[in-house]
């Protein structure tokens, strides 16, 4: 069984992917982004993992168009939150739903998937 906190290692020493569970119970395979020189792509959704909790989730467009999202992103980044990403849905409503599902979700350490 794969645990909620399972991490796939790409062999480079640092984990490349994290299996994250949203508030709805749906699981997402997210990629860890390297902090140095991350260029946010418009086709990806990003999340900041702050000690096992998604403190911010959104797109590059959210950072451009929403000053509250930008401020929250900057604050969490400065505090050392780790960036994760996954492919963003094409539908704007699906993006908003995904953001809602991820923000505030906690990593359930030590539990197995059902």
PDB file of N, CA and C in Angstrom:
ATOM      1  N   UNK A   1       0.839  -1.193   0.000  1.00  0.00           N
ATOM      2  CA  UNK A   1       0.000   0.000   0.000  1.00  0.00           C
ATOM      3  C   UNK A   1       0.870   1.237   0.000  1.00  0.00           C
ATOM      4  N   UNK A   2       0.400   2.257  -0.643  1.00  0.00           N
ATOM      5  CA  UNK A   2       1.111   3.528  -0.689  1.00  0.00           C
ATOM      6  C   UNK A   2       0.596   4.395   0.438  1.00  0.00           C
ATOM      7  N   UNK A   3       1.496   4.968   1.241  1.00  0.00           N
ATOM      8  CA  UNK A   3       1.105   5.850   2.334  1.00  0.00           C
ATOM      9  C   UNK A   3       0.779   7.239   1.839  1.00  0.00           C
ATOM     10  N   UNK A   4      -0.004   7.959   2.640  1.00  0.00           N
ATOM     11  CA  UNK A   4      -0.342   9.336   2.294  1.00  0.00           C
ATOM     12  C   UNK A   4       0.904  10.193   2.215  1.00  0.00           C
ATOM     13  N   UNK A   5       1.908   9.835   2.993  1.00  0.00           N
ATOM     14  CA  UNK A   5       3.128  10.626   3.026  1.00  0.00           C
ATOM     15  C   UNK A   5       4.207  10.042   2.128  1.00  0.00           C
ATOM     16  N   UNK A   6       3.822   9.189   1.193  1.00  0.00           N
ATOM     17  CA  UNK A   6       4.802   8.557   0.306  1.00  0.00           C
ATOM     18  C   UNK A   6       5.508   9.589  -0.553  1.00  0.00           C
ATOM     19  N   UNK A   7       6.786   9.340  -0.723  1.00  0.00           N
ATOM     20  CA  UNK A   7       7.598  10.226  -1.542  1.00  0.00           C
ATOM     21  C   UNK A   7       8.358   9.358  -2.534  1.00  0.00           C
ATOM     22  N   UNK A   8       8.305   9.722  -3.796  1.00  0.00           N
ATOM     23  CA  UNK A   8       9.040   8.998  -4.835  1.00  0.00           C
ATOM     24  C   UNK A   8      10.378   9.669  -5.029  1.00  0.00           C
ATOM     25  N   UNK A   9      11.433   8.898  -4.967  1.00  0.00           N
ATOM     26  CA  UNK A   9      12.778   9.426  -5.132  1.00  0.00           C
ATOM     27  C   UNK A   9      13.242   9.172  -6.557  1.00  0.00           C
ATOM     28  N   UNK A  10      13.726  10.213  -7.198  1.00  0.00           N
ATOM     29  CA  UNK A  10      14.180  10.089  -8.573  1.00  0.00           C
ATOM     30  C   UNK A  10      15.635   9.654  -8.666  1.00  0.00           C
ATOM     31  N   UNK A  11      16.257   9.388  -7.532  1.00  0.00           N
ATOM     32  CA  UNK A  11      17.645   8.952  -7.553  1.00  0.00           C
ATOM     33  C   UNK A  11      18.622  10.092  -7.398  1.00  0.00           C
ATOM     34  N   UNK A  12      18.156  11.328  -7.384  1.00  0.00           N
ATOM     35  CA  UNK A  12      19.038  12.472  -7.247  1.00  0.00           C
ATOM     36  C   UNK A  12      19.276  12.871  -5.808  1.00  0.00           C
ATOM     37  N   UNK A  13      18.820  12.053  -4.842  1.00  0.00           N
ATOM     38  CA  UNK A  13      19.048  12.384  -3.454  1.00  0.00           C
ATOM     39  C   UNK A  13      17.865  13.073  -2.827  1.00  0.00           C
ATOM     40  N   UNK A  14      17.267  14.020  -3.490  1.00  0.00           N
ATOM     41  CA  UNK A  14      16.119  14.740  -2.961  1.00  0.00           C
ATOM     42  C   UNK A  14      14.849  14.201  -3.616  1.00  0.00           C
ATOM     43  N   UNK A  15      13.783  14.142  -2.816  1.00  0.00           N
ATOM     44  CA  UNK A  15      12.524  13.604  -3.329  1.00  0.00           C
ATOM     45  C   UNK A  15      12.015  14.458  -4.475  1.00  0.00           C
ATOM     46  N   UNK A  16      11.552  13.809  -5.530  1.00  0.00           N
ATOM     47  CA  UNK A  16      11.051  14.523  -6.695  1.00  0.00           C
ATOM     48  C   UNK A  16       9.542  14.691  -6.652  1.00  0.00           C
ATOM     49  N   UNK A  17       8.829  13.746  -6.030  1.00  0.00           N
ATOM     50  CA  UNK A  17       7.368  13.789  -6.020  1.00  0.00           C
ATOM     51  C   UNK A  17       6.827  13.495  -4.634  1.00  0.00           C
ATOM     52  N   UNK A  18       5.671  14.078  -4.335  1.00  0.00           N
ATOM     53  CA  UNK A  18       5.012  13.883  -3.057  1.00  0.00           C
ATOM     54  C   UNK A  18       3.558  13.552  -3.329  1.00  0.00           C
ATOM     55  N   UNK A  19       3.054  12.536  -2.661  1.00  0.00           N
ATOM     56  CA  UNK A  19       1.643  12.190  -2.755  1.00  0.00           C
ATOM     57  C   UNK A  19       0.922  12.957  -1.658  1.00  0.00           C
ATOM     58  N   UNK A  20       0.041  13.873  -2.065  1.00  0.00           N
ATOM     59  CA  UNK A  20      -0.636  14.775  -1.119  1.00  0.00           C
ATOM     60  C   UNK A  20      -2.138  14.488  -1.156  1.00  0.00           C
ATOM     61  N   UNK A  21      -2.795  14.589  -0.020  1.00  0.00           N
ATOM     62  CA  UNK A  21      -4.230  14.368   0.067  1.00  0.00           C
ATOM     63  C   UNK A  21      -4.929  15.691   0.313  1.00  0.00           C
ATOM     64  N   UNK A  22      -5.889  16.032  -0.562  1.00  0.00           N
ATOM     65  CA  UNK A  22      -6.651  17.267  -0.414  1.00  0.00           C
ATOM     66  C   UNK A  22      -7.722  17.135   0.661  1.00  0.00           C
ATOM     67  N   UNK A  23      -8.407  18.236   0.944  1.00  0.00           N
ATOM     68  CA  UNK A  23      -9.475  18.229   1.949  1.00  0.00           C
ATOM     69  C   UNK A  23     -10.597  17.268   1.588  1.00  0.00           C
ATOM     70  N   UNK A  24     -10.806  17.039   0.307  1.00  0.00           N
ATOM     71  CA  UNK A  24     -11.876  16.158  -0.161  1.00  0.00           C
ATOM     72  C   UNK A  24     -11.515  14.678  -0.017  1.00  0.00           C
ATOM     73  N   UNK A  25     -10.248  14.393   0.250  1.00  0.00           N
ATOM     74  CA  UNK A  25      -9.781  13.011   0.308  1.00  0.00           C
ATOM     75  C   UNK A  25      -9.120  12.564  -0.985  1.00  0.00           C
ATOM     76  N   UNK A  26      -9.249  13.369  -2.022  1.00  0.00           N
ATOM     77  CA  UNK A  26      -8.606  13.052  -3.297  1.00  0.00           C
ATOM     78  C   UNK A  26      -7.099  13.208  -3.154  1.00  0.00           C
ATOM     79  N   UNK A  27      -6.345  12.314  -3.795  1.00  0.00           N
ATOM     80  CA  UNK A  27      -4.888  12.352  -3.717  1.00  0.00           C
ATOM     81  C   UNK A  27      -4.291  12.948  -4.989  1.00  0.00           C
ATOM     82  N   UNK A  28      -3.219  13.692  -4.816  1.00  0.00           N
ATOM     83  CA  UNK A  28      -2.536  14.357  -5.922  1.00  0.00           C
ATOM     84  C   UNK A  28      -1.048  14.034  -5.852  1.00  0.00           C
ATOM     85  N   UNK A  29      -0.471  13.661  -6.994  1.00  0.00           N
ATOM     86  CA  UNK A  29       0.967  13.463  -7.080  1.00  0.00           C
ATOM     87  C   UNK A  29       1.569  14.801  -7.499  1.00  0.00           C
ATOM     88  N   UNK A  30       2.279  15.417  -6.579  1.00  0.00           N
ATOM     89  CA  UNK A  30       2.846  16.747  -6.809  1.00  0.00           C
ATOM     90  C   UNK A  30       4.361  16.645  -6.903  1.00  0.00           C
ATOM     91  N   UNK A  31       4.923  17.499  -7.734  1.00  0.00           N
ATOM     92  CA  UNK A  31       6.382  17.535  -7.908  1.00  0.00           C
ATOM     93  C   UNK A  31       6.974  18.630  -7.041  1.00  0.00           C
ATOM     94  N   UNK A  32       8.104  18.313  -6.426  1.00  0.00           N
ATOM     95  CA  UNK A  32       8.835  19.347  -5.681  1.00  0.00           C
ATOM     96  C   UNK A  32       9.566  20.233  -6.681  1.00  0.00           C
ATOM     97  N   UNK A  33       9.475  21.508  -6.493  1.00  0.00           N
ATOM     98  CA  UNK A  33      10.194  22.471  -7.332  1.00  0.00           C
ATOM     99  C   UNK A  33      11.470  22.875  -6.619  1.00  0.00           C
ATOM    100  N   UNK A  34      12.519  23.008  -7.370  1.00  0.00           N
ATOM    101  CA  UNK A  34      13.768  23.507  -6.785  1.00  0.00           C
ATOM    102  C   UNK A  34      13.602  25.001  -6.564  1.00  0.00           C
ATOM    103  N   UNK A  35      13.946  25.429  -5.358  1.00  0.00           N
ATOM    104  CA  UNK A  35      13.719  26.832  -4.996  1.00  0.00           C
ATOM    105  C   UNK A  35      14.514  27.814  -5.856  1.00  0.00           C
ATOM    106  N   UNK A  36      15.732  27.477  -6.173  1.00  0.00           N
ATOM    107  CA  UNK A  36      16.583  28.401  -6.927  1.00  0.00           C
ATOM    108  C   UNK A  36      16.145  28.457  -8.384  1.00  0.00           C
ATOM    109  N   UNK A  37      15.725  29.607  -8.821  1.00  0.00           N
ATOM    110  CA  UNK A  37      15.424  29.828 -10.223  1.00  0.00           C
ATOM    111  C   UNK A  37      14.149  29.204 -10.749  1.00  0.00           C
ATOM    112  N   UNK A  38      13.137  29.062  -9.917  1.00  0.00           N
ATOM    113  CA  UNK A  38      11.871  28.496 -10.380  1.00  0.00           C
ATOM    114  C   UNK A  38      11.181  29.503 -11.304  1.00  0.00           C
ATOM    115  N   UNK A  39      10.868  29.060 -12.502  1.00  0.00           N
ATOM    116  CA  UNK A  39      10.102  29.876 -13.446  1.00  0.00           C
ATOM    117  C   UNK A  39       8.704  29.269 -13.506  1.00  0.00           C
ATOM    118  N   UNK A  40       7.719  30.006 -13.022  1.00  0.00           N
ATOM    119  CA  UNK A  40       6.357  29.478 -12.952  1.00  0.00           C
ATOM    120  C   UNK A  40       5.732  29.439 -14.346  1.00  0.00           C
ATOM    121  N   UNK A  41       5.239  28.265 -14.716  1.00  0.00           N
ATOM    122  CA  UNK A  41       4.621  28.057 -16.026  1.00  0.00           C
ATOM    123  C   UNK A  41       3.115  28.272 -15.932  1.00  0.00           C
ATOM    124  N   UNK A  42       2.503  28.850 -16.959  1.00  0.00           N
ATOM    125  CA  UNK A  42       1.062  29.110 -16.921  1.00  0.00           C
ATOM    126  C   UNK A  42       0.213  27.837 -16.907  1.00  0.00           C
ATOM    127  N   UNK A  43       0.780  26.710 -17.298  1.00  0.00           N
ATOM    128  CA  UNK A  43       0.024  25.461 -17.362  1.00  0.00           C
ATOM    129  C   UNK A  43       0.127  24.637 -16.079  1.00  0.00           C
ATOM    130  N   UNK A  44       0.717  25.206 -15.023  1.00  0.00           N
ATOM    131  CA  UNK A  44       0.915  24.476 -13.769  1.00  0.00           C
ATOM    132  C   UNK A  44       0.216  25.189 -12.622  1.00  0.00           C
ATOM    133  N   UNK A  45      -0.175  24.396 -11.638  1.00  0.00           N
ATOM    134  CA  UNK A  45      -0.703  24.930 -10.394  1.00  0.00           C
ATOM    135  C   UNK A  45       0.374  24.699  -9.343  1.00  0.00           C
ATOM    136  N   UNK A  46       0.598  25.679  -8.498  1.00  0.00           N
ATOM    137  CA  UNK A  46       1.663  25.627  -7.507  1.00  0.00           C
ATOM    138  C   UNK A  46       1.068  25.671  -6.112  1.00  0.00           C
ATOM    139  N   UNK A  47       1.816  25.101  -5.157  1.00  0.00           N
ATOM    140  CA  UNK A  47       1.398  25.112  -3.761  1.00  0.00           C
ATOM    141  C   UNK A  47       2.637  25.283  -2.898  1.00  0.00           C
ATOM    142  N   UNK A  48       2.461  25.951  -1.769  1.00  0.00           N
ATOM    143  CA  UNK A  48       3.561  26.111  -0.822  1.00  0.00           C
ATOM    144  C   UNK A  48       3.272  25.259   0.401  1.00  0.00           C
ATOM    145  N   UNK A  49       4.167  24.317   0.669  1.00  0.00           N
ATOM    146  CA  UNK A  49       4.088  23.399   1.803  1.00  0.00           C
ATOM    147  C   UNK A  49       4.813  24.047   2.974  1.00  0.00           C
ATOM    148  N   UNK A  50       4.053  24.453   3.977  1.00  0.00           N
ATOM    149  CA  UNK A  50       4.600  25.093   5.168  1.00  0.00           C
ATOM    150  C   UNK A  50       4.484  24.115   6.334  1.00  0.00           C
ATOM    151  N   UNK A  51       5.533  23.341   6.560  1.00  0.00           N
ATOM    152  CA  UNK A  51       5.564  22.357   7.642  1.00  0.00           C
ATOM    153  C   UNK A  51       4.410  21.367   7.577  1.00  0.00           C
ATOM    154  N   UNK A  52       4.162  20.815   6.403  1.00  0.00           N
ATOM    155  CA  UNK A  52       3.138  19.795   6.252  1.00  0.00           C
ATOM    156  C   UNK A  52       1.735  20.313   6.018  1.00  0.00           C
ATOM    157  N   UNK A  53       1.585  21.617   5.796  1.00  0.00           N
ATOM    158  CA  UNK A  53       0.279  22.225   5.513  1.00  0.00           C
ATOM    159  C   UNK A  53       0.414  23.076   4.256  1.00  0.00           C
ATOM    160  N   UNK A  54      -0.531  22.935   3.331  1.00  0.00           N
ATOM    161  CA  UNK A  54      -0.524  23.806   2.150  1.00  0.00           C
ATOM    162  C   UNK A  54      -1.052  25.171   2.594  1.00  0.00           C
ATOM    163  N   UNK A  55      -0.159  26.153   2.596  1.00  0.00           N
ATOM    164  CA  UNK A  55      -0.521  27.499   3.036  1.00  0.00           C
ATOM    165  C   UNK A  55      -0.999  28.386   1.902  1.00  0.00           C
ATOM    166  N   UNK A  56      -0.619  28.059   0.683  1.00  0.00           N
ATOM    167  CA  UNK A  56      -1.042  28.817  -0.493  1.00  0.00           C
ATOM    168  C   UNK A  56      -1.059  27.860  -1.671  1.00  0.00           C
ATOM    169  N   UNK A  57      -2.062  28.004  -2.514  1.00  0.00           N
ATOM    170  CA  UNK A  57      -2.113  27.258  -3.775  1.00  0.00           C
ATOM    171  C   UNK A  57      -2.678  28.193  -4.833  1.00  0.00           C
ATOM    172  N   UNK A  58      -2.158  28.082  -6.037  1.00  0.00           N
ATOM    173  CA  UNK A  58      -2.637  28.924  -7.120  1.00  0.00           C
ATOM    174  C   UNK A  58      -1.739  28.840  -8.338  1.00  0.00           C
ATOM    175  N   UNK A  59      -1.994  29.737  -9.279  1.00  0.00           N
ATOM    176  CA  UNK A  59      -1.263  29.771 -10.537  1.00  0.00           C
ATOM    177  C   UNK A  59      -0.401  31.032 -10.608  1.00  0.00           C
ATOM    178  N   UNK A  60       0.446  31.088 -11.607  1.00  0.00           N
ATOM    179  CA  UNK A  60       1.253  32.293 -11.828  1.00  0.00           C
ATOM    180  C   UNK A  60       0.334  33.493 -12.065  1.00  0.00           C
ATOM    181  N   UNK A  61      -0.777  33.261 -12.751  1.00  0.00           N
ATOM    182  CA  UNK A  61      -1.744  34.332 -13.013  1.00  0.00           C
ATOM    183  C   UNK A  61      -2.339  34.884 -11.716  1.00  0.00           C
ATOM    184  N   UNK A  62      -2.548  34.018 -10.733  1.00  0.00           N
ATOM    185  CA  UNK A  62      -3.049  34.472  -9.432  1.00  0.00           C
ATOM    186  C   UNK A  62      -2.083  35.457  -8.787  1.00  0.00           C
ATOM    187  N   UNK A  63      -0.792  35.179  -8.915  1.00  0.00           N
ATOM    188  CA  UNK A  63       0.210  36.073  -8.321  1.00  0.00           C
ATOM    189  C   UNK A  63       0.264  37.413  -9.028  1.00  0.00           C
ATOM    190  N   UNK A  64      -0.013  37.417 -10.306  1.00  0.00           N
ATOM    191  CA  UNK A  64       0.000  38.666 -11.067  1.00  0.00           C
ATOM    192  C   UNK A  64      -1.240  39.496 -10.770  1.00  0.00           C
ATOM    193  N   UNK A  65      -2.404  38.858 -10.736  1.00  0.00           N
ATOM    194  CA  UNK A  65      -3.661  39.588 -10.653  1.00  0.00           C
ATOM    195  C   UNK A  65      -4.263  39.771  -9.283  1.00  0.00           C
ATOM    196  N   UNK A  66      -3.742  39.112  -8.239  1.00  0.00           N
ATOM    197  CA  UNK A  66      -4.364  39.176  -6.917  1.00  0.00           C
ATOM    198  C   UNK A  66      -3.318  39.556  -5.878  1.00  0.00           C
ATOM    199  N   UNK A  67      -3.426  40.784  -5.364  1.00  0.00           N
ATOM    200  CA  UNK A  67      -2.411  41.260  -4.415  1.00  0.00           C
ATOM    201  C   UNK A  67      -2.421  40.459  -3.109  1.00  0.00           C
ATOM    202  N   UNK A  68      -3.574  39.935  -2.684  1.00  0.00           N
ATOM    203  CA  UNK A  68      -3.624  39.123  -1.459  1.00  0.00           C
ATOM    204  C   UNK A  68      -2.876  37.799  -1.655  1.00  0.00           C
ATOM    205  N   UNK A  69      -3.089  37.169  -2.805  1.00  0.00           N
ATOM    206  CA  UNK A  69      -2.379  35.925  -3.110  1.00  0.00           C
ATOM    207  C   UNK A  69      -0.881  36.180  -3.174  1.00  0.00           C
ATOM    208  N   UNK A  70      -0.492  37.287  -3.791  1.00  0.00           N
ATOM    209  CA  UNK A  70       0.930  37.642  -3.921  1.00  0.00           C
ATOM    210  C   UNK A  70       1.561  37.863  -2.538  1.00  0.00           C
ATOM    211  N   UNK A  71       0.845  38.560  -1.650  1.00  0.00           N
ATOM    212  CA  UNK A  71       1.366  38.838  -0.312  1.00  0.00           C
ATOM    213  C   UNK A  71       1.517  37.540   0.487  1.00  0.00           C
ATOM    214  N   UNK A  72       0.532  36.665   0.413  1.00  0.00           N
ATOM    215  CA  UNK A  72       0.579  35.390   1.124  1.00  0.00           C
ATOM    216  C   UNK A  72       1.720  34.522   0.583  1.00  0.00           C
ATOM    217  N   UNK A  73       1.862  34.484  -0.739  1.00  0.00           N
ATOM    218  CA  UNK A  73       2.937  33.739  -1.382  1.00  0.00           C
ATOM    219  C   UNK A  73       4.303  34.251  -0.906  1.00  0.00           C
ATOM    220  N   UNK A  74       4.492  35.552  -0.909  1.00  0.00           N
ATOM    221  CA  UNK A  74       5.775  36.135  -0.496  1.00  0.00           C
ATOM    222  C   UNK A  74       6.078  35.831   0.965  1.00  0.00           C
ATOM    223  N   UNK A  75       5.063  35.947   1.820  1.00  0.00           N
ATOM    224  CA  UNK A  75       5.247  35.703   3.252  1.00  0.00           C
ATOM    225  C   UNK A  75       5.660  34.253   3.500  1.00  0.00           C
ATOM    226  N   UNK A  76       4.964  33.305   2.885  1.00  0.00           N
ATOM    227  CA  UNK A  76       5.282  31.888   3.069  1.00  0.00           C
ATOM    228  C   UNK A  76       6.636  31.533   2.465  1.00  0.00           C
ATOM    229  N   UNK A  77       6.948  32.111   1.310  1.00  0.00           N
ATOM    230  CA  UNK A  77       8.250  31.859   0.672  1.00  0.00           C
ATOM    231  C   UNK A  77       9.382  32.351   1.562  1.00  0.00           C
ATOM    232  N   UNK A  78       9.212  33.532   2.136  1.00  0.00           N
ATOM    233  CA  UNK A  78      10.240  34.093   3.009  1.00  0.00           C
ATOM    234  C   UNK A  78      10.419  33.258   4.277  1.00  0.00           C
ATOM    235  N   UNK A  79       9.356  32.568   4.693  1.00  0.00           N
ATOM    236  CA  UNK A  79       9.415  31.726   5.890  1.00  0.00           C
ATOM    237  C   UNK A  79       9.984  30.339   5.588  1.00  0.00           C
ATOM    238  N   UNK A  80      10.314  30.076   4.330  1.00  0.00           N
ATOM    239  CA  UNK A  80      10.949  28.816   3.969  1.00  0.00           C
ATOM    240  C   UNK A  80      10.017  27.718   3.495  1.00  0.00           C
ATOM    241  N   UNK A  81       8.794  28.057   3.121  1.00  0.00           N
ATOM    242  CA  UNK A  81       7.872  27.040   2.608  1.00  0.00           C
ATOM    243  C   UNK A  81       8.435  26.427   1.332  1.00  0.00           C
ATOM    244  N   UNK A  82       8.174  25.147   1.129  1.00  0.00           N
ATOM    245  CA  UNK A  82       8.660  24.438  -0.057  1.00  0.00           C
ATOM    246  C   UNK A  82       7.606  24.473  -1.149  1.00  0.00           C
ATOM    247  N   UNK A  83       8.049  24.662  -2.376  1.00  0.00           N
ATOM    248  CA  UNK A  83       7.125  24.756  -3.495  1.00  0.00           C
ATOM    249  C   UNK A  83       6.891  23.400  -4.136  1.00  0.00           C
ATOM    250  N   UNK A  84       5.616  23.102  -4.369  1.00  0.00           N
ATOM    251  CA  UNK A  84       5.183  21.896  -5.072  1.00  0.00           C
ATOM    252  C   UNK A  84       4.397  22.339  -6.293  1.00  0.00           C
ATOM    253  N   UNK A  85       4.248  21.453  -7.280  1.00  0.00           N
ATOM    254  CA  UNK A  85       3.442  21.807  -8.450  1.00  0.00           C
ATOM    255  C   UNK A  85       2.804  20.563  -9.056  1.00  0.00           C
ATOM    256  N   UNK A  86       1.783  20.796  -9.849  1.00  0.00           N
ATOM    257  CA  UNK A  86       1.141  19.758 -10.652  1.00  0.00           C
ATOM    258  C   UNK A  86       0.492  20.437 -11.841  1.00  0.00           C
ATOM    259  N   UNK A  87       0.124  19.656 -12.839  1.00  0.00           N
ATOM    260  CA  UNK A  87      -0.514  20.220 -14.029  1.00  0.00           C
ATOM    261  C   UNK A  87      -1.837  20.870 -13.639  1.00  0.00           C
ATOM    262  N   UNK A  88      -2.061  22.065 -14.150  1.00  0.00           N
ATOM    263  CA  UNK A  88      -3.305  22.787 -13.856  1.00  0.00           C
ATOM    264  C   UNK A  88      -4.389  22.361 -14.836  1.00  0.00           C
ATOM    265  N   UNK A  89      -5.619  22.223 -14.355  1.00  0.00           N
ATOM    266  CA  UNK A  89      -6.727  21.935 -15.277  1.00  0.00           C
ATOM    267  C   UNK A  89      -6.921  23.103 -16.247  1.00  0.00           C
ATOM    268  N   UNK A  90      -7.528  22.854 -17.390  1.00  0.00           N
ATOM    269  CA  UNK A  90      -7.793  23.914 -18.365  1.00  0.00           C
ATOM    270  C   UNK A  90      -8.975  24.789 -17.968  1.00  0.00           C
ATOM    271  N   UNK A  91      -9.929  24.232 -17.254  1.00  0.00           N
ATOM    272  CA  UNK A  91     -11.145  24.931 -16.865  1.00  0.00           C
ATOM    273  C   UNK A  91     -10.892  25.799 -15.619  1.00  0.00           C
ATOM    274  N   UNK A  92     -11.189  27.104 -15.671  1.00  0.00           N
ATOM    275  CA  UNK A  92     -10.965  27.980 -14.518  1.00  0.00           C
ATOM    276  C   UNK A  92     -11.709  27.531 -13.253  1.00  0.00           C
ATOM    277  N   UNK A  93     -12.909  26.986 -13.392  1.00  0.00           N
ATOM    278  CA  UNK A  93     -13.647  26.499 -12.230  1.00  0.00           C
ATOM    279  C   UNK A  93     -12.932  25.295 -11.611  1.00  0.00           C
ATOM    280  N   UNK A  94     -12.379  24.431 -12.448  1.00  0.00           N
ATOM    281  CA  UNK A  94     -11.625  23.280 -11.946  1.00  0.00           C
ATOM    282  C   UNK A  94     -10.370  23.734 -11.211  1.00  0.00           C
ATOM    283  N   UNK A  95      -9.729  24.811 -11.682  1.00  0.00           N
ATOM    284  CA  UNK A  95      -8.560  25.363 -11.002  1.00  0.00           C
ATOM    285  C   UNK A  95      -8.966  25.869  -9.619  1.00  0.00           C
ATOM    286  N   UNK A  96     -10.054  26.624  -9.547  1.00  0.00           N
ATOM    287  CA  UNK A  96     -10.516  27.148  -8.251  1.00  0.00           C
ATOM    288  C   UNK A  96     -10.857  26.012  -7.292  1.00  0.00           C
ATOM    289  N   UNK A  97     -11.479  24.957  -7.807  1.00  0.00           N
ATOM    290  CA  UNK A  97     -11.832  23.805  -6.975  1.00  0.00           C
ATOM    291  C   UNK A  97     -10.580  23.117  -6.448  1.00  0.00           C
ATOM    292  N   UNK A  98      -9.588  22.976  -7.298  1.00  0.00           N
ATOM    293  CA  UNK A  98      -8.337  22.349  -6.903  1.00  0.00           C
ATOM    294  C   UNK A  98      -7.619  23.188  -5.842  1.00  0.00           C
ATOM    295  N   UNK A  99      -7.612  24.499  -6.013  1.00  0.00           N
ATOM    296  CA  UNK A  99      -7.010  25.388  -5.022  1.00  0.00           C
ATOM    297  C   UNK A  99      -7.717  25.208  -3.680  1.00  0.00           C
ATOM    298  N   UNK A 100      -9.051  25.193  -3.699  1.00  0.00           N
ATOM    299  CA  UNK A 100      -9.813  24.999  -2.459  1.00  0.00           C
ATOM    300  C   UNK A 100      -9.456  23.664  -1.816  1.00  0.00           C
ATOM    301  N   UNK A 101      -9.338  22.607  -2.617  1.00  0.00           N
ATOM    302  CA  UNK A 101      -9.065  21.277  -2.094  1.00  0.00           C
ATOM    303  C   UNK A 101      -7.683  21.201  -1.450  1.00  0.00           C
ATOM    304  N   UNK A 102      -6.717  21.928  -1.992  1.00  0.00           N
ATOM    305  CA  UNK A 102      -5.349  21.858  -1.481  1.00  0.00           C
ATOM    306  C   UNK A 102      -5.077  22.808  -0.316  1.00  0.00           C
ATOM    307  N   UNK A 103      -5.552  24.042  -0.368  1.00  0.00           N
ATOM    308  CA  UNK A 103      -5.235  25.018   0.674  1.00  0.00           C
ATOM    309  C   UNK A 103      -5.759  24.558   2.025  1.00  0.00           C
ATOM    310  N   UNK A 104      -4.873  24.570   2.996  1.00  0.00           N
ATOM    311  CA  UNK A 104      -5.235  24.173   4.344  1.00  0.00           C
ATOM    312  C   UNK A 104      -5.152  22.679   4.596  1.00  0.00           C
ATOM    313  N   UNK A 105      -4.919  21.894   3.547  1.00  0.00           N
ATOM    314  CA  UNK A 105      -4.823  20.440   3.755  1.00  0.00           C
ATOM    315  C   UNK A 105      -3.501  20.115   4.440  1.00  0.00           C
ATOM    316  N   UNK A 106      -3.552  19.086   5.258  1.00  0.00           N
ATOM    317  CA  UNK A 106      -2.380  18.668   6.015  1.00  0.00           C
ATOM    318  C   UNK A 106      -1.904  17.308   5.535  1.00  0.00           C
ATOM    319  N   UNK A 107      -0.633  17.129   5.573  1.00  0.00           N
ATOM    320  CA  UNK A 107      -0.060  15.821   5.249  1.00  0.00           C
ATOM    321  C   UNK A 107      -0.333  14.906   6.438  1.00  0.00           C
ATOM    322  N   UNK A 108      -0.911  13.764   6.179  1.00  0.00           N
ATOM    323  CA  UNK A 108      -1.226  12.792   7.226  1.00  0.00           C
ATOM    324  C   UNK A 108      -0.079  11.808   7.346  1.00  0.00           C
ATOM    325  N   UNK A 109       0.879  12.104   8.167  1.00  0.00           N
ATOM    326  CA  UNK A 109       2.061  11.265   8.315  1.00  0.00           C
ATOM    327  C   UNK A 109       1.721   9.962   9.027  1.00  0.00           C
ATOM    328  N   UNK A 110       2.330   8.885   8.566  1.00  0.00           N
ATOM    329  CA  UNK A 110       2.210   7.610   9.228  1.00  0.00           C
ATOM    330  C   UNK A 110       0.896   6.876   8.974  1.00  0.00           C
ATOM    331  N   UNK A 111       0.093   7.337   8.058  1.00  0.00           N
ATOM    332  CA  UNK A 111      -1.180   6.656   7.753  1.00  0.00           C
ATOM    333  C   UNK A 111      -1.071   5.993   6.403  1.00  0.00           C
ATOM    334  N   UNK A 112      -1.784   4.907   6.246  1.00  0.00           N
ATOM    335  CA  UNK A 112      -1.794   4.195   4.974  1.00  0.00           C
ATOM    336  C   UNK A 112      -3.034   4.538   4.189  1.00  0.00           C
ATOM    337  N   UNK A 113      -2.902   4.503   2.864  1.00  0.00           N
ATOM    338  CA  UNK A 113      -4.055   4.744   1.994  1.00  0.00           C
ATOM    339  C   UNK A 113      -5.010   3.572   2.119  1.00  0.00           C
ATOM    340  N   UNK A 114      -6.285   3.867   2.020  1.00  0.00           N
ATOM    341  CA  UNK A 114      -7.291   2.811   2.141  1.00  0.00           C
ATOM    342  C   UNK A 114      -7.504   2.135   0.804  1.00  0.00           C
TER     343      UNK A 114
END
